[in-house]
Amino acid sequence: MNRGGSGNRVIDGVSLAAFATERAQGLHPVPGEILTSVRNSFAGIVTAVNVDEIVAQVEIQSGSHRLVSLISRESVEELGLEVGVLATARVKSTNVHIDRPGSHG
């Protein structure tokens, strides 16, 4: 690891990918623990839980991805979701939108 011009640590992409993979060990369920057809899984840490009488908003930070889900208060209680808990958000949708920066030329 090197230091950049501003003194910040600089790491190449290959080393960063290896580091992220190593850190993710244990975050994803062991095969056989959870059966699901959902392939888009985001393991991360719960960063916010806002609960009202019926519904809760749960935020999970998974790497650079922030996921927000509205689920029942009962589900939050049953899963023991609170800030700092490791959790996995699973996304299954029939609509996928793709964006990219830039403009039409």
N, C-alpha and C. Protein backbone atom coordinates (compact mmCIF):
# COMPACT_ATOMS: atom_id res chain seq x y z
N MET A 1 0.85 -1.16 0.00
CA MET A 1 0.00 0.00 0.00
C MET A 1 0.91 1.24 0.00
N ASN A 2 0.58 2.17 -0.84
CA ASN A 2 1.35 3.40 -0.98
C ASN A 2 0.56 4.59 -0.47
N ARG A 3 1.22 5.72 -0.39
CA ARG A 3 0.56 6.97 -0.04
C ARG A 3 0.49 7.84 -1.28
N GLY A 4 -0.68 8.45 -1.50
CA GLY A 4 -0.85 9.35 -2.62
C GLY A 4 -0.29 10.74 -2.29
N GLY A 5 -0.40 11.65 -3.24
CA GLY A 5 0.13 13.01 -3.07
C GLY A 5 -0.44 13.74 -1.87
N SER A 6 -1.68 13.44 -1.49
CA SER A 6 -2.29 14.12 -0.35
C SER A 6 -2.02 13.38 0.96
N GLY A 7 -1.24 12.30 0.90
CA GLY A 7 -0.94 11.54 2.11
C GLY A 7 -1.92 10.42 2.38
N ASN A 8 -2.98 10.31 1.59
CA ASN A 8 -3.94 9.23 1.77
C ASN A 8 -3.35 7.92 1.27
N ARG A 9 -3.76 6.84 1.89
CA ARG A 9 -3.33 5.53 1.41
C ARG A 9 -3.97 5.23 0.08
N VAL A 10 -3.21 4.64 -0.83
CA VAL A 10 -3.69 4.29 -2.16
C VAL A 10 -3.49 2.80 -2.34
N ILE A 11 -4.53 2.11 -2.80
CA ILE A 11 -4.45 0.66 -3.00
C ILE A 11 -4.97 0.36 -4.40
N ASP A 12 -4.30 -0.57 -5.09
CA ASP A 12 -4.73 -0.90 -6.45
C ASP A 12 -6.01 -1.74 -6.39
N GLY A 13 -6.74 -1.75 -7.51
CA GLY A 13 -8.04 -2.42 -7.57
C GLY A 13 -8.00 -3.90 -7.27
N VAL A 14 -6.97 -4.61 -7.74
CA VAL A 14 -6.87 -6.05 -7.50
C VAL A 14 -6.71 -6.33 -6.01
N SER A 15 -5.84 -5.57 -5.36
CA SER A 15 -5.65 -5.75 -3.91
C SER A 15 -6.91 -5.39 -3.14
N LEU A 16 -7.60 -4.35 -3.59
CA LEU A 16 -8.84 -3.93 -2.93
C LEU A 16 -9.90 -5.02 -3.07
N ALA A 17 -10.02 -5.61 -4.26
CA ALA A 17 -10.99 -6.69 -4.47
C ALA A 17 -10.68 -7.88 -3.57
N ALA A 18 -9.41 -8.23 -3.43
CA ALA A 18 -9.02 -9.35 -2.57
C ALA A 18 -9.36 -9.03 -1.11
N PHE A 19 -9.10 -7.79 -0.70
CA PHE A 19 -9.41 -7.36 0.67
C PHE A 19 -10.92 -7.44 0.92
N ALA A 20 -11.72 -6.94 -0.02
CA ALA A 20 -13.18 -6.95 0.14
C ALA A 20 -13.71 -8.38 0.20
N THR A 21 -13.15 -9.27 -0.62
CA THR A 21 -13.58 -10.66 -0.61
C THR A 21 -13.24 -11.31 0.72
N GLU A 22 -12.04 -11.04 1.22
CA GLU A 22 -11.63 -11.59 2.51
C GLU A 22 -12.54 -11.09 3.64
N ARG A 23 -12.86 -9.79 3.63
CA ARG A 23 -13.70 -9.21 4.67
C ARG A 23 -15.12 -9.75 4.62
N ALA A 24 -15.57 -10.17 3.42
CA ALA A 24 -16.94 -10.66 3.26
C ALA A 24 -17.11 -12.08 3.77
N GLN A 25 -16.01 -12.79 4.03
CA GLN A 25 -16.11 -14.15 4.53
C GLN A 25 -16.94 -14.15 5.80
N GLY A 26 -17.93 -15.02 5.83
CA GLY A 26 -18.77 -15.11 7.02
C GLY A 26 -20.01 -14.23 6.95
N LEU A 27 -20.02 -13.26 6.04
CA LEU A 27 -21.21 -12.42 5.92
C LEU A 27 -22.31 -13.14 5.14
N HIS A 28 -21.91 -13.89 4.12
CA HIS A 28 -22.88 -14.61 3.31
C HIS A 28 -23.18 -15.95 3.98
N PRO A 29 -24.42 -16.39 3.89
CA PRO A 29 -24.78 -17.64 4.54
C PRO A 29 -24.00 -18.82 3.94
N VAL A 30 -23.74 -19.79 4.78
CA VAL A 30 -23.10 -21.02 4.31
C VAL A 30 -24.11 -21.76 3.45
N PRO A 31 -23.68 -22.30 2.30
CA PRO A 31 -24.63 -23.05 1.46
C PRO A 31 -25.38 -24.08 2.29
N GLY A 32 -26.68 -24.13 2.09
CA GLY A 32 -27.51 -25.05 2.83
C GLY A 32 -28.21 -24.41 4.02
N GLU A 33 -27.73 -23.26 4.49
CA GLU A 33 -28.37 -22.59 5.61
C GLU A 33 -29.64 -21.88 5.19
N ILE A 34 -29.62 -21.28 4.00
CA ILE A 34 -30.78 -20.55 3.50
C ILE A 34 -31.04 -21.00 2.07
N LEU A 35 -32.27 -21.36 1.78
CA LEU A 35 -32.64 -21.73 0.43
C LEU A 35 -33.43 -20.57 -0.17
N THR A 36 -33.00 -20.08 -1.33
CA THR A 36 -33.68 -18.96 -1.96
C THR A 36 -33.43 -18.99 -3.46
N SER A 37 -34.37 -18.43 -4.19
CA SER A 37 -34.18 -18.29 -5.64
C SER A 37 -33.60 -16.93 -6.00
N VAL A 38 -33.44 -16.07 -5.00
CA VAL A 38 -32.95 -14.72 -5.24
C VAL A 38 -31.43 -14.76 -5.41
N ARG A 39 -30.94 -14.16 -6.48
CA ARG A 39 -29.51 -14.18 -6.77
C ARG A 39 -28.82 -12.87 -6.45
N ASN A 40 -29.58 -11.82 -6.23
CA ASN A 40 -29.00 -10.51 -5.93
C ASN A 40 -29.00 -10.30 -4.42
N SER A 41 -27.91 -10.68 -3.79
CA SER A 41 -27.81 -10.60 -2.34
C SER A 41 -26.77 -9.56 -1.95
N PHE A 42 -27.09 -8.76 -0.96
CA PHE A 42 -26.20 -7.70 -0.48
C PHE A 42 -26.00 -7.88 1.02
N ALA A 43 -24.90 -8.53 1.39
CA ALA A 43 -24.59 -8.70 2.81
C ALA A 43 -24.01 -7.39 3.32
N GLY A 44 -24.45 -6.98 4.49
CA GLY A 44 -23.95 -5.73 5.04
C GLY A 44 -24.32 -5.56 6.48
N ILE A 45 -24.31 -4.32 6.90
CA ILE A 45 -24.60 -3.99 8.29
C ILE A 45 -25.79 -3.04 8.34
N VAL A 46 -26.68 -3.27 9.30
CA VAL A 46 -27.84 -2.40 9.46
C VAL A 46 -27.36 -1.06 10.02
N THR A 47 -27.69 0.01 9.29
CA THR A 47 -27.24 1.35 9.70
C THR A 47 -28.37 2.21 10.26
N ALA A 48 -29.61 1.81 10.02
CA ALA A 48 -30.74 2.58 10.57
C ALA A 48 -31.98 1.70 10.58
N VAL A 49 -32.79 1.87 11.61
CA VAL A 49 -34.09 1.20 11.71
C VAL A 49 -35.07 2.22 12.26
N ASN A 50 -36.07 2.56 11.47
CA ASN A 50 -37.11 3.50 11.90
C ASN A 50 -38.44 2.74 11.92
N VAL A 51 -38.99 2.59 13.12
CA VAL A 51 -40.17 1.76 13.30
C VAL A 51 -41.36 2.62 13.73
N ASP A 52 -42.53 2.37 13.11
CA ASP A 52 -43.75 2.98 13.63
C ASP A 52 -44.66 1.85 14.09
N GLU A 53 -45.95 2.08 14.18
CA GLU A 53 -46.85 1.07 14.73
C GLU A 53 -46.97 -0.18 13.87
N ILE A 54 -46.85 -0.03 12.55
CA ILE A 54 -47.08 -1.16 11.65
C ILE A 54 -45.87 -1.46 10.76
N VAL A 55 -45.24 -0.42 10.24
CA VAL A 55 -44.19 -0.57 9.23
C VAL A 55 -42.85 -0.08 9.77
N ALA A 56 -41.77 -0.64 9.22
CA ALA A 56 -40.43 -0.20 9.58
C ALA A 56 -39.62 0.05 8.31
N GLN A 57 -38.74 1.03 8.39
CA GLN A 57 -37.79 1.31 7.31
C GLN A 57 -36.42 0.85 7.81
N VAL A 58 -35.79 -0.05 7.07
CA VAL A 58 -34.49 -0.60 7.46
C VAL A 58 -33.48 -0.24 6.38
N GLU A 59 -32.33 0.31 6.80
CA GLU A 59 -31.25 0.64 5.88
C GLU A 59 -30.08 -0.30 6.15
N ILE A 60 -29.52 -0.82 5.05
CA ILE A 60 -28.34 -1.68 5.13
C ILE A 60 -27.26 -1.09 4.24
N GLN A 61 -26.05 -0.99 4.76
CA GLN A 61 -24.90 -0.55 3.97
C GLN A 61 -24.12 -1.79 3.60
N SER A 62 -24.03 -2.05 2.31
CA SER A 62 -23.30 -3.22 1.79
C SER A 62 -22.24 -2.70 0.84
N GLY A 63 -21.03 -2.54 1.34
CA GLY A 63 -19.97 -1.94 0.52
C GLY A 63 -20.38 -0.52 0.18
N SER A 64 -20.37 -0.20 -1.11
CA SER A 64 -20.76 1.15 -1.53
C SER A 64 -22.27 1.26 -1.76
N HIS A 65 -23.00 0.18 -1.52
CA HIS A 65 -24.44 0.17 -1.78
C HIS A 65 -25.23 0.41 -0.51
N ARG A 66 -26.15 1.36 -0.57
CA ARG A 66 -27.09 1.62 0.53
C ARG A 66 -28.45 1.10 0.08
N LEU A 67 -28.98 0.15 0.82
CA LEU A 67 -30.28 -0.42 0.49
C LEU A 67 -31.28 -0.03 1.54
N VAL A 68 -32.48 0.34 1.12
CA VAL A 68 -33.54 0.73 2.04
C VAL A 68 -34.74 -0.17 1.76
N SER A 69 -35.29 -0.75 2.82
CA SER A 69 -36.43 -1.64 2.67
C SER A 69 -37.52 -1.26 3.64
N LEU A 70 -38.76 -1.35 3.18
CA LEU A 70 -39.92 -1.17 4.05
C LEU A 70 -40.46 -2.56 4.36
N ILE A 71 -40.44 -2.93 5.62
CA ILE A 71 -40.94 -4.23 6.04
C ILE A 71 -41.83 -4.03 7.27
N SER A 72 -42.50 -5.08 7.68
CA SER A 72 -43.40 -4.95 8.83
C SER A 72 -42.60 -4.82 10.13
N ARG A 73 -43.22 -4.16 11.08
CA ARG A 73 -42.62 -4.04 12.41
C ARG A 73 -42.39 -5.42 13.00
N GLU A 74 -43.34 -6.31 12.76
CA GLU A 74 -43.23 -7.69 13.25
C GLU A 74 -41.97 -8.37 12.70
N SER A 75 -41.67 -8.17 11.43
CA SER A 75 -40.47 -8.77 10.83
C SER A 75 -39.20 -8.23 11.48
N VAL A 76 -39.17 -6.93 11.74
CA VAL A 76 -38.00 -6.33 12.40
C VAL A 76 -37.79 -6.99 13.76
N GLU A 77 -38.86 -7.16 14.50
CA GLU A 77 -38.76 -7.77 15.83
C GLU A 77 -38.34 -9.23 15.75
N GLU A 78 -38.94 -10.00 14.82
CA GLU A 78 -38.63 -11.42 14.69
C GLU A 78 -37.18 -11.64 14.26
N LEU A 79 -36.66 -10.77 13.37
CA LEU A 79 -35.29 -10.90 12.89
C LEU A 79 -34.26 -10.26 13.82
N GLY A 80 -34.74 -9.52 14.81
CA GLY A 80 -33.83 -8.85 15.73
C GLY A 80 -32.99 -7.79 15.04
N LEU A 81 -33.61 -7.07 14.08
CA LEU A 81 -32.88 -6.04 13.34
C LEU A 81 -32.70 -4.79 14.17
N GLU A 82 -31.46 -4.37 14.30
CA GLU A 82 -31.13 -3.13 14.98
C GLU A 82 -29.80 -2.65 14.42
N VAL A 83 -29.49 -1.40 14.63
CA VAL A 83 -28.25 -0.83 14.12
C VAL A 83 -27.06 -1.65 14.61
N GLY A 84 -26.18 -1.97 13.66
CA GLY A 84 -24.97 -2.72 13.97
C GLY A 84 -25.06 -4.21 13.70
N VAL A 85 -26.27 -4.72 13.44
CA VAL A 85 -26.46 -6.15 13.19
C VAL A 85 -26.10 -6.46 11.73
N LEU A 86 -25.45 -7.61 11.51
CA LEU A 86 -25.18 -8.06 10.15
C LEU A 86 -26.46 -8.64 9.56
N ALA A 87 -26.75 -8.29 8.31
CA ALA A 87 -27.96 -8.77 7.65
C ALA A 87 -27.69 -8.83 6.15
N THR A 88 -28.54 -9.54 5.44
CA THR A 88 -28.43 -9.64 3.99
C THR A 88 -29.72 -9.17 3.36
N ALA A 89 -29.62 -8.19 2.46
CA ALA A 89 -30.77 -7.73 1.68
C ALA A 89 -30.78 -8.53 0.38
N ARG A 90 -31.92 -9.05 0.03
CA ARG A 90 -32.06 -9.82 -1.21
C ARG A 90 -33.05 -9.08 -2.11
N VAL A 91 -32.67 -8.92 -3.36
CA VAL A 91 -33.47 -8.14 -4.30
C VAL A 91 -33.89 -9.04 -5.45
N LYS A 92 -35.19 -9.09 -5.69
CA LYS A 92 -35.72 -9.84 -6.83
C LYS A 92 -36.77 -8.97 -7.48
N SER A 93 -36.58 -8.70 -8.74
CA SER A 93 -37.48 -7.78 -9.42
C SER A 93 -37.64 -8.18 -10.88
N THR A 94 -38.77 -7.86 -11.41
CA THR A 94 -38.98 -8.09 -12.84
C THR A 94 -38.51 -6.90 -13.66
N ASN A 95 -38.23 -5.78 -13.00
CA ASN A 95 -37.76 -4.58 -13.69
C ASN A 95 -36.36 -4.23 -13.22
N VAL A 96 -35.45 -4.11 -14.14
CA VAL A 96 -34.10 -3.68 -13.81
C VAL A 96 -33.78 -2.49 -14.70
N HIS A 97 -33.38 -1.39 -14.09
CA HIS A 97 -33.05 -0.18 -14.82
C HIS A 97 -31.54 -0.01 -14.83
N ILE A 98 -31.00 0.41 -15.95
CA ILE A 98 -29.56 0.61 -16.06
C ILE A 98 -29.31 2.07 -16.41
N ASP A 99 -28.44 2.72 -15.67
CA ASP A 99 -28.07 4.10 -15.93
C ASP A 99 -26.57 4.17 -16.14
N ARG A 100 -26.14 5.22 -16.80
CA ARG A 100 -24.72 5.50 -16.91
C ARG A 100 -24.54 6.99 -17.02
N PRO A 101 -23.41 7.47 -16.52
CA PRO A 101 -23.16 8.90 -16.61
C PRO A 101 -22.92 9.33 -18.05
N GLY A 102 -23.11 10.60 -18.30
CA GLY A 102 -22.88 11.11 -19.64
C GLY A 102 -24.16 11.59 -20.27
N SER A 103 -24.05 12.03 -21.48
CA SER A 103 -25.22 12.52 -22.19
C SER A 103 -25.23 11.92 -23.60
N HIS A 104 -26.38 12.02 -24.20
CA HIS A 104 -26.48 11.56 -25.58
C HIS A 104 -25.74 12.51 -26.48
N GLY A 105 -24.87 11.99 -27.34
CA GLY A 105 -24.05 12.86 -28.17
C GLY A 105 -24.62 13.04 -29.45
